[in-house]
Amino acid sequence: MALKHVVSRIKRSMALAREHSQEQDVYLDSVALNLHDFYTGLERVSKRVAEMIDEGVPTGRNWHRDLLRQMAKEYPPFRPAVLSEKTE
């Protein structure tokens, strides 16, 4: 699923949650699921960058955090930072 589509679904679900307070929990569940999909999509992109450009995906217990930190680093002349340090 394209990340733009996931963001669109999150925005729609948030709007519906505001409009239908009696059903808010259902819409917020949708928001949570779509946020998870969004993060998973970003993680897949980051892993691909790490494999193809950085030549290595972190391993071990904290690989998710380490991958975010890796994506916040610049590797001249191969690539700029993919994420800002604030995102990390």
PDB file of N, CA and C in Angstrom:
ATOM      1  N   MET A   1       0.843  -1.168   0.000  1.00  0.00           N
ATOM      2  CA  MET A   1       0.000   0.000   0.000  1.00  0.00           C
ATOM      3  C   MET A   1       0.893   1.237   0.000  1.00  0.00           C
ATOM      4  N   ALA A   2       0.609   2.198  -0.863  1.00  0.00           N
ATOM      5  CA  ALA A   2       1.408   3.412  -0.963  1.00  0.00           C
ATOM      6  C   ALA A   2       1.261   4.250   0.304  1.00  0.00           C
ATOM      7  N   LEU A   3       2.373   4.853   0.739  1.00  0.00           N
ATOM      8  CA  LEU A   3       2.346   5.641   1.965  1.00  0.00           C
ATOM      9  C   LEU A   3       1.375   6.811   1.868  1.00  0.00           C
ATOM     10  N   LYS A   4       1.242   7.410   0.689  1.00  0.00           N
ATOM     11  CA  LYS A   4       0.292   8.515   0.523  1.00  0.00           C
ATOM     12  C   LYS A   4      -1.131   8.042   0.800  1.00  0.00           C
ATOM     13  N   HIS A   5      -1.439   6.839   0.367  1.00  0.00           N
ATOM     14  CA  HIS A   5      -2.768   6.279   0.593  1.00  0.00           C
ATOM     15  C   HIS A   5      -2.999   6.043   2.089  1.00  0.00           C
ATOM     16  N   VAL A   6      -1.996   5.564   2.776  1.00  0.00           N
ATOM     17  CA  VAL A   6      -2.112   5.320   4.215  1.00  0.00           C
ATOM     18  C   VAL A   6      -2.344   6.646   4.947  1.00  0.00           C
ATOM     19  N   VAL A   7      -1.605   7.686   4.576  1.00  0.00           N
ATOM     20  CA  VAL A   7      -1.774   8.997   5.207  1.00  0.00           C
ATOM     21  C   VAL A   7      -3.191   9.509   4.962  1.00  0.00           C
ATOM     22  N   SER A   8      -3.695   9.332   3.765  1.00  0.00           N
ATOM     23  CA  SER A   8      -5.053   9.750   3.437  1.00  0.00           C
ATOM     24  C   SER A   8      -6.075   9.029   4.318  1.00  0.00           C
ATOM     25  N   ARG A   9      -5.888   7.747   4.520  1.00  0.00           N
ATOM     26  CA  ARG A   9      -6.806   6.964   5.361  1.00  0.00           C
ATOM     27  C   ARG A   9      -6.750   7.435   6.813  1.00  0.00           C
ATOM     28  N   ILE A  10      -5.559   7.769   7.295  1.00  0.00           N
ATOM     29  CA  ILE A  10      -5.420   8.277   8.666  1.00  0.00           C
ATOM     30  C   ILE A  10      -6.198   9.579   8.816  1.00  0.00           C
ATOM     31  N   LYS A  11      -6.027  10.491   7.875  1.00  0.00           N
ATOM     32  CA  LYS A  11      -6.717  11.786   7.939  1.00  0.00           C
ATOM     33  C   LYS A  11      -8.233  11.606   7.902  1.00  0.00           C
ATOM     34  N   ARG A  12      -8.704  10.722   7.029  1.00  0.00           N
ATOM     35  CA  ARG A  12     -10.153  10.478   6.944  1.00  0.00           C
ATOM     36  C   ARG A  12     -10.692   9.887   8.244  1.00  0.00           C
ATOM     37  N   SER A  13      -9.972   8.939   8.802  1.00  0.00           N
ATOM     38  CA  SER A  13     -10.420   8.308  10.047  1.00  0.00           C
ATOM     39  C   SER A  13     -10.430   9.302  11.203  1.00  0.00           C
ATOM     40  N   MET A  14      -9.442  10.176  11.267  1.00  0.00           N
ATOM     41  CA  MET A  14      -9.415  11.201  12.316  1.00  0.00           C
ATOM     42  C   MET A  14     -10.599  12.149  12.169  1.00  0.00           C
ATOM     43  N   ALA A  15     -10.897  12.551  10.957  1.00  0.00           N
ATOM     44  CA  ALA A  15     -12.040  13.438  10.715  1.00  0.00           C
ATOM     45  C   ALA A  15     -13.344  12.764  11.122  1.00  0.00           C
ATOM     46  N   LEU A  16     -13.488  11.506  10.767  1.00  0.00           N
ATOM     47  CA  LEU A  16     -14.703  10.773  11.131  1.00  0.00           C
ATOM     48  C   LEU A  16     -14.808  10.577  12.647  1.00  0.00           C
ATOM     49  N   ALA A  17     -13.695  10.375  13.312  1.00  0.00           N
ATOM     50  CA  ALA A  17     -13.703  10.231  14.768  1.00  0.00           C
ATOM     51  C   ALA A  17     -14.198  11.513  15.426  1.00  0.00           C
ATOM     52  N   ARG A  18     -13.807  12.653  14.860  1.00  0.00           N
ATOM     53  CA  ARG A  18     -14.267  13.937  15.408  1.00  0.00           C
ATOM     54  C   ARG A  18     -15.755  14.146  15.152  1.00  0.00           C
ATOM     55  N   GLU A  19     -16.223  13.734  13.984  1.00  0.00           N
ATOM     56  CA  GLU A  19     -17.621  13.921  13.603  1.00  0.00           C
ATOM     57  C   GLU A  19     -18.564  12.974  14.346  1.00  0.00           C
ATOM     58  N   HIS A  20     -18.111  11.771  14.645  1.00  0.00           N
ATOM     59  CA  HIS A  20     -18.968  10.732  15.226  1.00  0.00           C
ATOM     60  C   HIS A  20     -18.392  10.296  16.572  1.00  0.00           C
ATOM     61  N   SER A  21     -18.529  11.140  17.554  1.00  0.00           N
ATOM     62  CA  SER A  21     -17.908  10.859  18.853  1.00  0.00           C
ATOM     63  C   SER A  21     -18.416   9.556  19.482  1.00  0.00           C
ATOM     64  N   GLN A  22     -19.652   9.175  19.199  1.00  0.00           N
ATOM     65  CA  GLN A  22     -20.185   7.931  19.762  1.00  0.00           C
ATOM     66  C   GLN A  22     -19.493   6.701  19.186  1.00  0.00           C
ATOM     67  N   GLU A  23     -18.928   6.816  18.008  1.00  0.00           N
ATOM     68  CA  GLU A  23     -18.204   5.712  17.358  1.00  0.00           C
ATOM     69  C   GLU A  23     -16.702   5.978  17.295  1.00  0.00           C
ATOM     70  N   GLN A  24     -16.242   6.909  18.106  1.00  0.00           N
ATOM     71  CA  GLN A  24     -14.849   7.354  18.044  1.00  0.00           C
ATOM     72  C   GLN A  24     -13.849   6.209  18.193  1.00  0.00           C
ATOM     73  N   ASP A  25     -14.130   5.254  19.054  1.00  0.00           N
ATOM     74  CA  ASP A  25     -13.182   4.163  19.274  1.00  0.00           C
ATOM     75  C   ASP A  25     -12.932   3.356  18.008  1.00  0.00           C
ATOM     76  N   VAL A  26     -13.957   3.172  17.192  1.00  0.00           N
ATOM     77  CA  VAL A  26     -13.809   2.421  15.948  1.00  0.00           C
ATOM     78  C   VAL A  26     -12.885   3.172  14.986  1.00  0.00           C
ATOM     79  N   TYR A  27     -13.096   4.469  14.871  1.00  0.00           N
ATOM     80  CA  TYR A  27     -12.272   5.270  13.969  1.00  0.00           C
ATOM     81  C   TYR A  27     -10.841   5.398  14.482  1.00  0.00           C
ATOM     82  N   LEU A  28     -10.684   5.507  15.795  1.00  0.00           N
ATOM     83  CA  LEU A  28      -9.330   5.594  16.347  1.00  0.00           C
ATOM     84  C   LEU A  28      -8.576   4.279  16.186  1.00  0.00           C
ATOM     85  N   ASP A  29      -9.294   3.154  16.228  1.00  0.00           N
ATOM     86  CA  ASP A  29      -8.656   1.866  15.921  1.00  0.00           C
ATOM     87  C   ASP A  29      -8.124   1.878  14.492  1.00  0.00           C
ATOM     88  N   SER A  30      -8.890   2.453  13.589  1.00  0.00           N
ATOM     89  CA  SER A  30      -8.458   2.561  12.192  1.00  0.00           C
ATOM     90  C   SER A  30      -7.213   3.442  12.083  1.00  0.00           C
ATOM     91  N   VAL A  31      -7.206   4.539  12.826  1.00  0.00           N
ATOM     92  CA  VAL A  31      -6.040   5.427  12.824  1.00  0.00           C
ATOM     93  C   VAL A  31      -4.807   4.659  13.300  1.00  0.00           C
ATOM     94  N   ALA A  32      -4.954   3.914  14.400  1.00  0.00           N
ATOM     95  CA  ALA A  32      -3.822   3.160  14.951  1.00  0.00           C
ATOM     96  C   ALA A  32      -3.299   2.134  13.947  1.00  0.00           C
ATOM     97  N   LEU A  33      -4.203   1.423  13.315  1.00  0.00           N
ATOM     98  CA  LEU A  33      -3.795   0.421  12.330  1.00  0.00           C
ATOM     99  C   LEU A  33      -3.061   1.074  11.160  1.00  0.00           C
ATOM    100  N   ASN A  34      -3.571   2.204  10.697  1.00  0.00           N
ATOM    101  CA  ASN A  34      -2.940   2.879   9.572  1.00  0.00           C
ATOM    102  C   ASN A  34      -1.610   3.519   9.956  1.00  0.00           C
ATOM    103  N   LEU A  35      -1.485   3.999  11.183  1.00  0.00           N
ATOM    104  CA  LEU A  35      -0.187   4.506  11.641  1.00  0.00           C
ATOM    105  C   LEU A  35       0.841   3.377  11.667  1.00  0.00           C
ATOM    106  N   HIS A  36       0.401   2.207  12.090  1.00  0.00           N
ATOM    107  CA  HIS A  36       1.293   1.046  12.080  1.00  0.00           C
ATOM    108  C   HIS A  36       1.724   0.726  10.646  1.00  0.00           C
ATOM    109  N   ASP A  37       0.769   0.748   9.717  1.00  0.00           N
ATOM    110  CA  ASP A  37       1.097   0.506   8.308  1.00  0.00           C
ATOM    111  C   ASP A  37       2.076   1.545   7.778  1.00  0.00           C
ATOM    112  N   PHE A  38       1.882   2.809   8.175  1.00  0.00           N
ATOM    113  CA  PHE A  38       2.763   3.879   7.736  1.00  0.00           C
ATOM    114  C   PHE A  38       4.183   3.635   8.237  1.00  0.00           C
ATOM    115  N   TYR A  39       4.306   3.340   9.533  1.00  0.00           N
ATOM    116  CA  TYR A  39       5.627   3.084  10.103  1.00  0.00           C
ATOM    117  C   TYR A  39       6.283   1.875   9.433  1.00  0.00           C
ATOM    118  N   THR A  40       5.521   0.829   9.219  1.00  0.00           N
ATOM    119  CA  THR A  40       6.048  -0.371   8.577  1.00  0.00           C
ATOM    120  C   THR A  40       6.544  -0.053   7.163  1.00  0.00           C
ATOM    121  N   GLY A  41       5.798   0.790   6.453  1.00  0.00           N
ATOM    122  CA  GLY A  41       6.220   1.204   5.114  1.00  0.00           C
ATOM    123  C   GLY A  41       7.530   1.973   5.156  1.00  0.00           C
ATOM    124  N   LEU A  42       7.647   2.898   6.098  1.00  0.00           N
ATOM    125  CA  LEU A  42       8.900   3.649   6.239  1.00  0.00           C
ATOM    126  C   LEU A  42      10.057   2.728   6.612  1.00  0.00           C
ATOM    127  N   GLU A  43       9.760   1.762   7.445  1.00  0.00           N
ATOM    128  CA  GLU A  43      10.792   0.803   7.843  1.00  0.00           C
ATOM    129  C   GLU A  43      11.267  -0.013   6.642  1.00  0.00           C
ATOM    130  N   ARG A  44      10.331  -0.433   5.795  1.00  0.00           N
ATOM    131  CA  ARG A  44      10.713  -1.197   4.590  1.00  0.00           C
ATOM    132  C   ARG A  44      11.599  -0.358   3.672  1.00  0.00           C
ATOM    133  N   VAL A  45      11.231   0.901   3.491  1.00  0.00           N
ATOM    134  CA  VAL A  45      12.043   1.797   2.651  1.00  0.00           C
ATOM    135  C   VAL A  45      13.427   1.954   3.267  1.00  0.00           C
ATOM    136  N   SER A  46      13.476   2.151   4.565  1.00  0.00           N
ATOM    137  CA  SER A  46      14.760   2.321   5.256  1.00  0.00           C
ATOM    138  C   SER A  46      15.630   1.075   5.145  1.00  0.00           C
ATOM    139  N   LYS A  47      15.019  -0.086   5.296  1.00  0.00           N
ATOM    140  CA  LYS A  47      15.782  -1.328   5.159  1.00  0.00           C
ATOM    141  C   LYS A  47      16.338  -1.468   3.750  1.00  0.00           C
ATOM    142  N   ARG A  48      15.547  -1.081   2.774  1.00  0.00           N
ATOM    143  CA  ARG A  48      15.997  -1.165   1.375  1.00  0.00           C
ATOM    144  C   ARG A  48      17.190  -0.249   1.134  1.00  0.00           C
ATOM    145  N   VAL A  49      17.111   0.971   1.670  1.00  0.00           N
ATOM    146  CA  VAL A  49      18.239   1.913   1.557  1.00  0.00           C
ATOM    147  C   VAL A  49      19.468   1.321   2.238  1.00  0.00           C
ATOM    148  N   ALA A  50      19.269   0.779   3.426  1.00  0.00           N
ATOM    149  CA  ALA A  50      20.389   0.197   4.169  1.00  0.00           C
ATOM    150  C   ALA A  50      21.029  -0.961   3.407  1.00  0.00           C
ATOM    151  N   GLU A  51      20.207  -1.783   2.770  1.00  0.00           N
ATOM    152  CA  GLU A  51      20.730  -2.929   2.016  1.00  0.00           C
ATOM    153  C   GLU A  51      21.454  -2.499   0.748  1.00  0.00           C
ATOM    154  N   MET A  52      20.857  -1.568   0.012  1.00  0.00           N
ATOM    155  CA  MET A  52      21.372  -1.232  -1.313  1.00  0.00           C
ATOM    156  C   MET A  52      22.475  -0.178  -1.295  1.00  0.00           C
ATOM    157  N   ILE A  53      22.406   0.754  -0.358  1.00  0.00           N
ATOM    158  CA  ILE A  53      23.373   1.848  -0.355  1.00  0.00           C
ATOM    159  C   ILE A  53      24.368   1.708   0.793  1.00  0.00           C
ATOM    160  N   ASP A  54      23.863   1.462   1.986  1.00  0.00           N
ATOM    161  CA  ASP A  54      24.740   1.377   3.156  1.00  0.00           C
ATOM    162  C   ASP A  54      25.396   0.003   3.276  1.00  0.00           C
ATOM    163  N   GLU A  55      24.897  -0.951   2.522  1.00  0.00           N
ATOM    164  CA  GLU A  55      25.416  -2.311   2.522  1.00  0.00           C
ATOM    165  C   GLU A  55      25.316  -3.002   3.882  1.00  0.00           C
ATOM    166  N   GLY A  56      24.235  -2.700   4.606  1.00  0.00           N
ATOM    167  CA  GLY A  56      24.045  -3.404   5.862  1.00  0.00           C
ATOM    168  C   GLY A  56      22.857  -2.909   6.656  1.00  0.00           C
ATOM    169  N   VAL A  57      22.029  -3.853   7.074  1.00  0.00           N
ATOM    170  CA  VAL A  57      20.892  -3.556   7.943  1.00  0.00           C
ATOM    171  C   VAL A  57      21.307  -3.953   9.351  1.00  0.00           C
ATOM    172  N   PRO A  58      21.039  -3.097  10.335  1.00  0.00           N
ATOM    173  CA  PRO A  58      21.401  -3.463  11.704  1.00  0.00           C
ATOM    174  C   PRO A  58      20.719  -4.767  12.135  1.00  0.00           C
ATOM    175  N   THR A  59      21.357  -5.449  13.049  1.00  0.00           N
ATOM    176  CA  THR A  59      20.800  -6.684  13.591  1.00  0.00           C
ATOM    177  C   THR A  59      20.781  -6.573  15.109  1.00  0.00           C
ATOM    178  N   GLY A  60      20.212  -7.562  15.724  1.00  0.00           N
ATOM    179  CA  GLY A  60      20.203  -7.590  17.182  1.00  0.00           C
ATOM    180  C   GLY A  60      18.915  -7.060  17.765  1.00  0.00           C
ATOM    181  N   ARG A  61      18.914  -7.008  19.049  1.00  0.00           N
ATOM    182  CA  ARG A  61      17.724  -6.661  19.816  1.00  0.00           C
ATOM    183  C   ARG A  61      17.171  -5.272  19.504  1.00  0.00           C
ATOM    184  N   ASN A  62      18.030  -4.320  19.250  1.00  0.00           N
ATOM    185  CA  ASN A  62      17.614  -2.926  19.035  1.00  0.00           C
ATOM    186  C   ASN A  62      17.709  -2.505  17.574  1.00  0.00           C
ATOM    187  N   TRP A  63      17.523  -3.438  16.654  1.00  0.00           N
ATOM    188  CA  TRP A  63      17.741  -3.124  15.242  1.00  0.00           C
ATOM    189  C   TRP A  63      16.797  -2.043  14.735  1.00  0.00           C
ATOM    190  N   HIS A  64      15.574  -1.964  15.256  1.00  0.00           N
ATOM    191  CA  HIS A  64      14.637  -0.931  14.800  1.00  0.00           C
ATOM    192  C   HIS A  64      15.192   0.462  15.114  1.00  0.00           C
ATOM    193  N   ARG A  65      15.616   0.647  16.361  1.00  0.00           N
ATOM    194  CA  ARG A  65      16.191   1.930  16.778  1.00  0.00           C
ATOM    195  C   ARG A  65      17.474   2.221  16.001  1.00  0.00           C
ATOM    196  N   ASP A  66      18.316   1.211  15.858  1.00  0.00           N
ATOM    197  CA  ASP A  66      19.578   1.397  15.151  1.00  0.00           C
ATOM    198  C   ASP A  66      19.359   1.747  13.681  1.00  0.00           C
ATOM    199  N   LEU A  67      18.319   1.175  13.082  1.00  0.00           N
ATOM    200  CA  LEU A  67      17.996   1.502  11.693  1.00  0.00           C
ATOM    201  C   LEU A  67      17.588   2.971  11.575  1.00  0.00           C
ATOM    202  N   LEU A  68      16.762   3.452  12.506  1.00  0.00           N
ATOM    203  CA  LEU A  68      16.386   4.872  12.496  1.00  0.00           C
ATOM    204  C   LEU A  68      17.620   5.758  12.636  1.00  0.00           C
ATOM    205  N   ARG A  69      18.515   5.397  13.521  1.00  0.00           N
ATOM    206  CA  ARG A  69      19.748   6.180  13.703  1.00  0.00           C
ATOM    207  C   ARG A  69      20.615   6.143  12.445  1.00  0.00           C
ATOM    208  N   GLN A  70      20.671   4.994  11.812  1.00  0.00           N
ATOM    209  CA  GLN A  70      21.440   4.864  10.575  1.00  0.00           C
ATOM    210  C   GLN A  70      20.857   5.757   9.486  1.00  0.00           C
ATOM    211  N   MET A  71      19.530   5.813   9.403  1.00  0.00           N
ATOM    212  CA  MET A  71      18.882   6.628   8.374  1.00  0.00           C
ATOM    213  C   MET A  71      19.027   8.125   8.653  1.00  0.00           C
ATOM    214  N   ALA A  72      19.350   8.491   9.911  1.00  0.00           N
ATOM    215  CA  ALA A  72      19.555   9.897  10.260  1.00  0.00           C
ATOM    216  C   ALA A  72      20.984  10.357   9.965  1.00  0.00           C
ATOM    217  N   LYS A  73      21.842   9.425   9.594  1.00  0.00           N
ATOM    218  CA  LYS A  73      23.233   9.763   9.271  1.00  0.00           C
ATOM    219  C   LYS A  73      23.393  10.012   7.778  1.00  0.00           C
ATOM    220  N   GLU A  74      24.277  10.901   7.470  1.00  0.00           N
ATOM    221  CA  GLU A  74      24.619  11.200   6.086  1.00  0.00           C
ATOM    222  C   GLU A  74      25.830  10.340   5.713  1.00  0.00           C
ATOM    223  N   TYR A  75      25.821   9.794   4.504  1.00  0.00           N
ATOM    224  CA  TYR A  75      26.945   8.990   4.019  1.00  0.00           C
ATOM    225  C   TYR A  75      27.435   9.562   2.693  1.00  0.00           C
ATOM    226  N   PRO A  76      28.151  10.707   2.771  1.00  0.00           N
ATOM    227  CA  PRO A  76      28.644  11.301   1.537  1.00  0.00           C
ATOM    228  C   PRO A  76      29.684  10.389   0.901  1.00  0.00           C
ATOM    229  N   PRO A  77      29.796  10.297  -0.351  1.00  0.00           N
ATOM    230  CA  PRO A  77      28.977  10.946  -1.369  1.00  0.00           C
ATOM    231  C   PRO A  77      27.807  10.069  -1.811  1.00  0.00           C
ATOM    232  N   PHE A  78      27.494   9.038  -1.036  1.00  0.00           N
ATOM    233  CA  PHE A  78      26.504   8.057  -1.469  1.00  0.00           C
ATOM    234  C   PHE A  78      25.056   8.475  -1.244  1.00  0.00           C
ATOM    235  N   ARG A  79      24.785   9.098  -0.082  1.00  0.00           N
ATOM    236  CA  ARG A  79      23.406   9.525   0.170  1.00  0.00           C
ATOM    237  C   ARG A  79      23.380  10.559   1.287  1.00  0.00           C
ATOM    238  N   PRO A  80      22.351  11.419   1.249  1.00  0.00           N
ATOM    239  CA  PRO A  80      22.140  12.324   2.371  1.00  0.00           C
ATOM    240  C   PRO A  80      21.419  11.577   3.494  1.00  0.00           C
ATOM    241  N   ALA A  81      21.222  12.226   4.606  1.00  0.00           N
ATOM    242  CA  ALA A  81      20.420  11.635   5.674  1.00  0.00           C
ATOM    243  C   ALA A  81      18.992  11.429   5.141  1.00  0.00           C
ATOM    244  N   VAL A  82      18.431  10.283   5.403  1.00  0.00           N
ATOM    245  CA  VAL A  82      17.074   9.974   4.949  1.00  0.00           C
ATOM    246  C   VAL A  82      16.061  10.562   5.928  1.00  0.00           C
ATOM    247  N   LEU A  83      16.384  10.541   7.208  1.00  0.00           N
ATOM    248  CA  LEU A  83      15.531  11.095   8.268  1.00  0.00           C
ATOM    249  C   LEU A  83      16.302  12.196   8.970  1.00  0.00           C
ATOM    250  N   SER A  84      15.583  13.119   9.566  1.00  0.00           N
ATOM    251  CA  SER A  84      16.257  14.140  10.372  1.00  0.00           C
ATOM    252  C   SER A  84      16.587  13.547  11.740  1.00  0.00           C
ATOM    253  N   GLU A  85      17.505  14.162  12.437  1.00  0.00           N
ATOM    254  CA  GLU A  85      17.838  13.673  13.781  1.00  0.00           C
ATOM    255  C   GLU A  85      16.639  13.806  14.705  1.00  0.00           C
ATOM    256  N   LYS A  86      15.753  14.772  14.461  1.00  0.00           N
ATOM    257  CA  LYS A  86      14.539  14.930  15.264  1.00  0.00           C
ATOM    258  C   LYS A  86      13.645  13.694  15.125  1.00  0.00           C
ATOM    259  N   THR A  87      13.590  13.125  13.939  1.00  0.00           N
ATOM    260  CA  THR A  87      12.752  11.957  13.684  1.00  0.00           C
ATOM    261  C   THR A  87      13.248  10.758  14.461  1.00  0.00           C
ATOM    262  N   GLU A  88      14.558  10.650  14.532  1.00  0.00           N
ATOM    263  CA  GLU A  88      15.184   9.517  15.196  1.00  0.00           C
ATOM    264  C   GLU A  88      14.664   9.429  16.604  1.00  0.00           C
TER     265      GLU A  88
END
